[in-house]
Amino acid sequence: MTAITPQFSDEELQEICNISDVISCECPAYLVGLLREVRKFRYYTANCPKEEPQALEIHQWLEGETLHVERLMSEIIYKFMQREGLLDENGQLVPRLLADRAYQAAIKQHDSAGYY
């Protein structure tokens, strides 16, 4: 597995979405969805037809500004993953930790249901 960095691949983003079930929180998946939408918009602005010089300028500006937003969203996701303890010191997802969290969540759910 490659190290997760603030510039996420599509595979890494999918892996982050899958974490939502383990940590009982939809924030990672929601953040990934926002990042994907920002990326789509940036790609759109980069490839939007520009017949007039003014249109070219505004689209270049939009693409640049959207790149800033994309980088910020990536950094937010990365820091979220760090704060949740889901990355090791090399910035990689920690599968063992995810398995432990899933196990603890299952035990908690079992206990709260009154099974002993």
C-alpha atoms as a PDB file:
ATOM      1  CA  MET A   1       0.000   0.000   0.000  1.00  0.00           C
ATOM      2  CA  THR A   2       1.331   3.438  -0.836  1.00  0.00           C
ATOM      3  CA  ALA A   3       1.598   6.150   1.765  1.00  0.00           C
ATOM      4  CA  ILE A   4      -1.370   8.468   1.897  1.00  0.00           C
ATOM      5  CA  THR A   5      -0.317  12.030   1.278  1.00  0.00           C
ATOM      6  CA  PRO A   6      -2.326  15.202   0.884  1.00  0.00           C
ATOM      7  CA  GLN A   7      -2.586  14.415  -2.852  1.00  0.00           C
ATOM      8  CA  PHE A   8      -4.868  11.392  -2.780  1.00  0.00           C
ATOM      9  CA  SER A   9      -5.300   8.914  -5.620  1.00  0.00           C
ATOM     10  CA  ASP A  10      -8.783   7.655  -6.462  1.00  0.00           C
ATOM     11  CA  GLU A  11      -7.896   4.326  -4.816  1.00  0.00           C
ATOM     12  CA  GLU A  12      -6.838   6.067  -1.607  1.00  0.00           C
ATOM     13  CA  LEU A  13     -10.031   8.115  -1.584  1.00  0.00           C
ATOM     14  CA  GLN A  14     -12.084   4.928  -1.897  1.00  0.00           C
ATOM     15  CA  GLU A  15     -10.141   3.358   0.961  1.00  0.00           C
ATOM     16  CA  ILE A  16     -10.892   6.419   3.094  1.00  0.00           C
ATOM     17  CA  CYS A  17     -14.609   6.129   2.260  1.00  0.00           C
ATOM     18  CA  ASN A  18     -14.522   2.518   3.435  1.00  0.00           C
ATOM     19  CA  ILE A  19     -13.233   3.668   6.832  1.00  0.00           C
ATOM     20  CA  SER A  20     -16.561   5.365   7.587  1.00  0.00           C
ATOM     21  CA  ASP A  21     -18.118   2.029   8.529  1.00  0.00           C
ATOM     22  CA  VAL A  22     -15.264   1.164  10.872  1.00  0.00           C
ATOM     23  CA  ILE A  23     -15.182   4.417  12.824  1.00  0.00           C
ATOM     24  CA  SER A  24     -18.985   4.865  12.851  1.00  0.00           C
ATOM     25  CA  CYS A  25     -18.650   8.305  11.303  1.00  0.00           C
ATOM     26  CA  GLU A  26     -19.577   9.492   7.835  1.00  0.00           C
ATOM     27  CA  CYS A  27     -17.163  12.441   7.918  1.00  0.00           C
ATOM     28  CA  PRO A  28     -14.405  10.742   5.882  1.00  0.00           C
ATOM     29  CA  ALA A  29     -16.826   9.729   3.122  1.00  0.00           C
ATOM     30  CA  TYR A  30     -18.467  13.153   3.133  1.00  0.00           C
ATOM     31  CA  LEU A  31     -15.096  14.917   2.901  1.00  0.00           C
ATOM     32  CA  VAL A  32     -14.035  12.620   0.064  1.00  0.00           C
ATOM     33  CA  GLY A  33     -17.278  13.425  -1.761  1.00  0.00           C
ATOM     34  CA  LEU A  34     -16.581  17.141  -1.450  1.00  0.00           C
ATOM     35  CA  LEU A  35     -13.013  16.679  -2.682  1.00  0.00           C
ATOM     36  CA  ARG A  36     -14.217  14.679  -5.686  1.00  0.00           C
ATOM     37  CA  GLU A  37     -16.704  17.426  -6.589  1.00  0.00           C
ATOM     38  CA  VAL A  38     -13.983  20.083  -6.342  1.00  0.00           C
ATOM     39  CA  ARG A  39     -11.754  17.967  -8.611  1.00  0.00           C
ATOM     40  CA  LYS A  40     -14.549  17.549 -11.147  1.00  0.00           C
ATOM     41  CA  PHE A  41     -15.095  21.296 -11.221  1.00  0.00           C
ATOM     42  CA  ARG A  42     -11.368  21.977 -11.629  1.00  0.00           C
ATOM     43  CA  TYR A  43     -11.184  19.528 -14.549  1.00  0.00           C
ATOM     44  CA  TYR A  44     -14.250  21.183 -16.039  1.00  0.00           C
ATOM     45  CA  THR A  45     -12.745  24.671 -15.818  1.00  0.00           C
ATOM     46  CA  ALA A  46      -9.502  23.413 -17.374  1.00  0.00           C
ATOM     47  CA  ASN A  47     -11.363  21.915 -20.342  1.00  0.00           C
ATOM     48  CA  CYS A  48     -14.253  24.357 -20.726  1.00  0.00           C
ATOM     49  CA  PRO A  49     -14.490  25.823 -24.250  1.00  0.00           C
ATOM     50  CA  LYS A  50     -13.061  29.335 -24.260  1.00  0.00           C
ATOM     51  CA  GLU A  51     -13.866  31.281 -27.413  1.00  0.00           C
ATOM     52  CA  GLU A  52     -13.087  34.722 -26.011  1.00  0.00           C
ATOM     53  CA  PRO A  53      -9.856  35.899 -24.342  1.00  0.00           C
ATOM     54  CA  GLN A  54     -11.857  37.089 -21.328  1.00  0.00           C
ATOM     55  CA  ALA A  55     -13.407  33.623 -20.969  1.00  0.00           C
ATOM     56  CA  LEU A  56      -9.950  32.041 -21.102  1.00  0.00           C
ATOM     57  CA  GLU A  57      -8.700  34.346 -18.358  1.00  0.00           C
ATOM     58  CA  ILE A  58     -11.627  33.733 -16.015  1.00  0.00           C
ATOM     59  CA  HIS A  59     -11.426  29.963 -16.509  1.00  0.00           C
ATOM     60  CA  GLN A  60      -7.698  29.949 -15.804  1.00  0.00           C
ATOM     61  CA  TRP A  61      -8.378  31.944 -12.657  1.00  0.00           C
ATOM     62  CA  LEU A  62     -11.173  29.537 -11.625  1.00  0.00           C
ATOM     63  CA  GLU A  63      -8.932  26.547 -12.235  1.00  0.00           C
ATOM     64  CA  GLY A  64      -6.163  28.055 -10.091  1.00  0.00           C
ATOM     65  CA  GLU A  65      -8.502  28.995  -7.258  1.00  0.00           C
ATOM     66  CA  THR A  66     -10.150  25.585  -7.352  1.00  0.00           C
ATOM     67  CA  LEU A  67      -6.722  23.956  -7.125  1.00  0.00           C
ATOM     68  CA  HIS A  68      -6.219  25.839  -3.843  1.00  0.00           C
ATOM     69  CA  VAL A  69      -9.550  24.490  -2.573  1.00  0.00           C
ATOM     70  CA  GLU A  70      -8.589  20.970  -3.688  1.00  0.00           C
ATOM     71  CA  ARG A  71      -5.306  21.162  -1.807  1.00  0.00           C
ATOM     72  CA  LEU A  72      -7.060  22.501   1.295  1.00  0.00           C
ATOM     73  CA  MET A  73      -9.658  19.702   1.198  1.00  0.00           C
ATOM     74  CA  SER A  74      -6.890  17.116   0.800  1.00  0.00           C
ATOM     75  CA  GLU A  75      -5.040  18.571   3.767  1.00  0.00           C
ATOM     76  CA  ILE A  76      -8.219  18.517   5.870  1.00  0.00           C
ATOM     77  CA  ILE A  77      -8.775  14.838   5.047  1.00  0.00           C
ATOM     78  CA  TYR A  78      -5.153  14.005   5.807  1.00  0.00           C
ATOM     79  CA  LYS A  79      -5.239  15.815   9.155  1.00  0.00           C
ATOM     80  CA  PHE A  80      -8.568  14.178  10.013  1.00  0.00           C
ATOM     81  CA  MET A  81      -7.021  10.765   9.353  1.00  0.00           C
ATOM     82  CA  GLN A  82      -4.039  11.676  11.538  1.00  0.00           C
ATOM     83  CA  ARG A  83      -6.219  12.976  14.383  1.00  0.00           C
ATOM     84  CA  GLU A  84      -8.288   9.798  14.286  1.00  0.00           C
ATOM     85  CA  GLY A  85      -5.084   7.773  14.566  1.00  0.00           C
ATOM     86  CA  LEU A  86      -5.736   6.070  11.244  1.00  0.00           C
ATOM     87  CA  LEU A  87      -2.294   6.792   9.792  1.00  0.00           C
ATOM     88  CA  ASP A  88       1.057   5.524  10.941  1.00  0.00           C
ATOM     89  CA  GLU A  89       4.211   7.659  11.172  1.00  0.00           C
ATOM     90  CA  ASN A  90       4.749   7.129   7.413  1.00  0.00           C
ATOM     91  CA  GLY A  91       1.282   8.378   6.523  1.00  0.00           C
ATOM     92  CA  GLN A  92      -0.097   4.923   5.700  1.00  0.00           C
ATOM     93  CA  LEU A  93      -3.479   3.593   6.735  1.00  0.00           C
ATOM     94  CA  VAL A  94      -3.190   1.208   9.666  1.00  0.00           C
ATOM     95  CA  PRO A  95      -5.307  -1.889   8.849  1.00  0.00           C
ATOM     96  CA  ARG A  96      -4.701  -3.476  12.283  1.00  0.00           C
ATOM     97  CA  LEU A  97      -6.044  -0.364  13.988  1.00  0.00           C
ATOM     98  CA  LEU A  98      -9.098  -0.384  11.749  1.00  0.00           C
ATOM     99  CA  ALA A  99      -9.729  -4.029  12.598  1.00  0.00           C
ATOM    100  CA  ASP A 100      -9.355  -3.251  16.323  1.00  0.00           C
ATOM    101  CA  ARG A 101     -11.813  -0.368  16.047  1.00  0.00           C
ATOM    102  CA  ALA A 102     -14.329  -2.529  14.205  1.00  0.00           C
ATOM    103  CA  TYR A 103     -13.991  -5.186  16.911  1.00  0.00           C
ATOM    104  CA  GLN A 104     -14.453  -2.634  19.721  1.00  0.00           C
ATOM    105  CA  ALA A 105     -17.492  -1.143  17.966  1.00  0.00           C
ATOM    106  CA  ALA A 106     -19.031  -4.617  17.636  1.00  0.00           C
ATOM    107  CA  ILE A 107     -18.429  -5.342  21.335  1.00  0.00           C
ATOM    108  CA  LYS A 108     -19.932  -2.003  22.340  1.00  0.00           C
ATOM    109  CA  GLN A 109     -22.991  -2.622  20.181  1.00  0.00           C
ATOM    110  CA  HIS A 110     -23.322  -6.132  21.593  1.00  0.00           C
ATOM    111  CA  ASP A 111     -23.060  -4.859  25.187  1.00  0.00           C
ATOM    112  CA  SER A 112     -25.536  -2.025  24.649  1.00  0.00           C
ATOM    113  CA  ALA A 113     -28.043  -4.500  23.230  1.00  0.00           C
ATOM    114  CA  GLY A 114     -28.028  -6.322  26.560  1.00  0.00           C
ATOM    115  CA  TYR A 115     -26.316  -9.530  25.428  1.00  0.00           C
ATOM    116  CA  TYR A 116     -24.022 -11.029  28.033  1.00  0.00           C
END
